[in-house]
Amino acid sequence: MSIIEPNINDLLDNTEYDRFLLCSVASRRAHDINEMMRGQRTRALEMETALEIARANNRKPLSIAFQEVADGTVGYDPDTLDLEK
């Protein structure tokens, strides 16, 4: 499997060309997105609307996270980033 979009160089450019930092930032964001999607599914089921469920399942959380890193929407604060967790 390879990343085609966004380009890996764009991703690395936004994470100081550190592959491990990229993985950490993207995985944390994907985790947050997954939690939000889970909440949307629960709410949509309660409201009995399949449209919200379909929207939430349109893209994978990691794909969304990588796109946000490439766009510069998601970043990190080197002073508060704790990679030990």
Protein backbone atom coordinates (compact mmCIF):
# COMPACT_ATOMS: atom_id res chain seq x y z
CA MET A 1 0.00 0.00 0.00
CA SER A 2 1.28 3.44 -0.81
CA ILE A 3 0.10 6.95 -0.21
CA ILE A 4 -0.80 8.63 -3.48
CA GLU A 5 -2.79 11.62 -2.25
CA PRO A 6 -1.64 13.58 -0.40
CA ASN A 7 1.93 13.40 -1.56
CA ILE A 8 4.31 12.01 1.07
CA ASN A 9 6.66 14.98 0.58
CA ASP A 10 3.84 17.39 1.46
CA LEU A 11 3.14 15.39 4.60
CA LEU A 12 6.77 15.28 5.64
CA ASP A 13 7.21 18.98 4.89
CA ASN A 14 4.61 19.77 7.56
CA THR A 15 6.27 17.51 10.14
CA GLU A 16 9.90 18.59 9.85
CA TYR A 17 10.68 15.60 7.58
CA ASP A 18 10.30 13.30 10.58
CA ARG A 19 8.42 10.12 9.62
CA PHE A 20 7.82 9.18 13.23
CA LEU A 21 6.39 12.58 14.04
CA LEU A 22 4.12 12.31 11.00
CA CYS A 23 2.88 8.92 12.20
CA SER A 24 2.26 10.24 15.70
CA VAL A 25 0.39 13.38 14.58
CA ALA A 26 -1.69 11.53 11.98
CA SER A 27 -2.56 8.62 14.27
CA ARG A 28 -3.63 10.91 17.10
CA ARG A 29 -5.80 12.93 14.72
CA ALA A 30 -7.26 9.75 13.18
CA HIS A 31 -8.10 8.55 16.69
CA ASP A 32 -9.95 11.82 17.37
CA ILE A 33 -11.78 11.57 14.04
CA ASN A 34 -12.75 7.97 14.76
CA GLU A 35 -14.17 8.99 18.14
CA MET A 36 -16.17 11.80 16.50
CA MET A 37 -17.48 9.38 13.84
CA ARG A 38 -18.51 6.92 16.51
CA GLY A 39 -20.47 9.67 18.22
CA GLN A 40 -22.12 10.67 14.95
CA ARG A 41 -23.17 7.07 14.26
CA THR A 42 -24.70 6.79 17.71
CA ARG A 43 -26.54 10.08 17.30
CA ALA A 44 -27.68 9.18 13.78
CA LEU A 45 -29.02 5.84 14.95
CA GLU A 46 -30.90 7.59 17.73
CA MET A 47 -32.34 10.03 15.18
CA GLU A 48 -32.84 7.15 12.70
CA THR A 49 -31.15 8.99 9.85
CA ALA A 50 -28.96 6.90 7.58
CA LEU A 51 -27.61 9.95 5.76
CA GLU A 52 -25.26 10.93 8.60
CA ILE A 53 -23.98 7.36 8.88
CA ALA A 54 -23.23 7.31 5.14
CA ARG A 55 -21.34 10.61 5.38
CA ALA A 56 -19.27 9.37 8.32
CA ASN A 57 -18.26 6.21 6.45
CA ASN A 58 -17.27 8.00 3.24
CA ARG A 59 -13.53 8.17 4.05
CA LYS A 60 -11.23 6.42 6.48
CA PRO A 61 -10.10 8.42 9.54
CA LEU A 62 -6.41 8.05 8.68
CA SER A 63 -7.01 9.34 5.13
CA ILE A 64 -8.77 12.38 6.57
CA ALA A 65 -5.94 12.90 9.07
CA PHE A 66 -3.25 12.73 6.37
CA GLN A 67 -5.16 15.23 4.24
CA GLU A 68 -5.44 17.61 7.20
CA VAL A 69 -1.70 17.32 7.88
CA ALA A 70 -0.93 18.04 4.22
CA ASP A 71 -3.30 21.05 4.20
CA GLY A 72 -1.77 22.40 7.38
CA THR A 73 -5.14 22.16 9.14
CA VAL A 74 -3.64 19.88 11.78
CA GLY A 75 -0.29 20.54 13.32
CA TYR A 76 1.54 20.09 16.55
CA ASP A 77 3.13 22.16 19.27
CA PRO A 78 6.70 20.92 19.82
CA ASP A 79 6.67 22.31 23.38
CA THR A 80 3.64 20.28 24.45
CA LEU A 81 4.04 17.22 22.21
CA ASP A 82 4.54 14.20 24.40
CA LEU A 83 5.52 11.20 22.32
CA GLU A 84 6.03 9.01 25.37
CA LYS A 85 2.31 8.13 25.70
